[in-house]
Amino acid sequence: MSRVCDICGKGPLRGNNVSHANNRTKRVWLPNLQRVRVLREGRVARLRVCTKCIKAGRIVKAPRVPATP
């Protein structure tokens, strides 16, 4: 699975760790993705969404349906 937000397309960023001695090593910043049940076109779907999209209200969470015994 790719580490990309299904709403905004945010993905991993690459750069360098820089030590006090100015040594540089490669590193990766990953987006904070959550698997969320979302209402999309009247259907429930599971999407990988970044927390920024969740906070901004760009998705509508699917309601929980309690199990009937």
Protein backbone atom coordinates (compact mmCIF):
# COMPACT_ATOMS: atom_id res chain seq x y z
CA MET A 1 0.00 0.00 0.00
CA SER A 2 1.24 3.44 -0.82
CA ARG A 3 1.61 6.02 1.92
CA VAL A 4 -0.48 8.67 0.21
CA CYS A 5 -3.61 10.46 1.43
CA ASP A 6 -6.62 9.50 -0.70
CA ILE A 7 -8.11 13.02 -0.36
CA CYS A 8 -5.27 15.53 -0.80
CA GLY A 9 -2.50 13.33 -2.21
CA LYS A 10 -0.02 14.15 0.54
CA GLY A 11 2.86 11.66 0.51
CA PRO A 12 6.33 11.04 1.96
CA LEU A 13 8.92 13.82 1.90
CA ARG A 14 12.64 13.15 1.63
CA GLY A 15 15.53 15.10 3.05
CA ASN A 16 18.56 14.91 5.30
CA ASN A 17 19.22 14.39 8.98
CA VAL A 18 21.83 16.98 9.88
CA SER A 19 23.97 16.35 12.96
CA HIS A 20 25.80 18.96 15.03
CA ALA A 21 28.94 18.01 13.09
CA ASN A 22 26.98 18.78 9.89
CA ASN A 23 27.01 15.14 8.81
CA ARG A 24 24.10 14.44 6.47
CA THR A 25 22.22 11.17 6.14
CA LYS A 26 19.06 10.53 4.17
CA ARG A 27 15.70 10.37 5.97
CA VAL A 28 11.99 10.27 5.19
CA TRP A 29 9.06 12.15 6.76
CA LEU A 30 5.84 10.13 6.53
CA PRO A 31 2.36 11.70 6.63
CA ASN A 32 0.11 10.82 9.57
CA LEU A 33 -2.37 8.57 7.76
CA GLN A 34 -5.39 6.93 9.38
CA ARG A 35 -7.73 4.29 7.97
CA VAL A 36 -11.20 5.84 8.19
CA ARG A 37 -14.70 4.61 7.31
CA VAL A 38 -16.05 7.34 5.05
CA LEU A 39 -19.38 8.02 3.34
CA ARG A 40 -18.56 8.45 -0.33
CA GLU A 41 -21.28 8.72 -3.01
CA GLY A 42 -23.79 7.17 -0.62
CA ARG A 43 -21.60 4.16 0.14
CA VAL A 44 -19.29 3.30 3.00
CA ALA A 45 -15.64 3.04 2.01
CA ARG A 46 -12.35 2.70 3.86
CA LEU A 47 -9.80 5.32 2.93
CA ARG A 48 -6.33 6.25 4.07
CA VAL A 49 -6.69 9.90 5.05
CA CYS A 50 -4.19 12.29 6.61
CA THR A 51 -5.14 13.86 9.93
CA LYS A 52 -5.11 17.33 8.40
CA CYS A 53 -7.96 16.34 6.05
CA ILE A 54 -9.88 14.79 8.96
CA LYS A 55 -9.53 17.94 11.07
CA ALA A 56 -10.45 20.21 8.15
CA GLY A 57 -13.70 18.30 7.62
CA ARG A 58 -12.90 17.23 4.06
CA ILE A 59 -14.47 13.83 4.75
CA VAL A 60 -17.77 12.68 6.23
CA LYS A 61 -17.32 9.76 8.60
CA ALA A 62 -19.73 6.86 8.22
CA PRO A 63 -22.09 6.38 11.18
CA ARG A 64 -21.55 3.38 13.40
CA VAL A 65 -24.33 0.84 13.34
CA PRO A 66 -24.62 -1.20 16.56
CA ALA A 67 -24.80 -4.96 16.14
CA THR A 68 -28.20 -6.42 16.90
CA PRO A 69 -28.11 -9.50 19.12
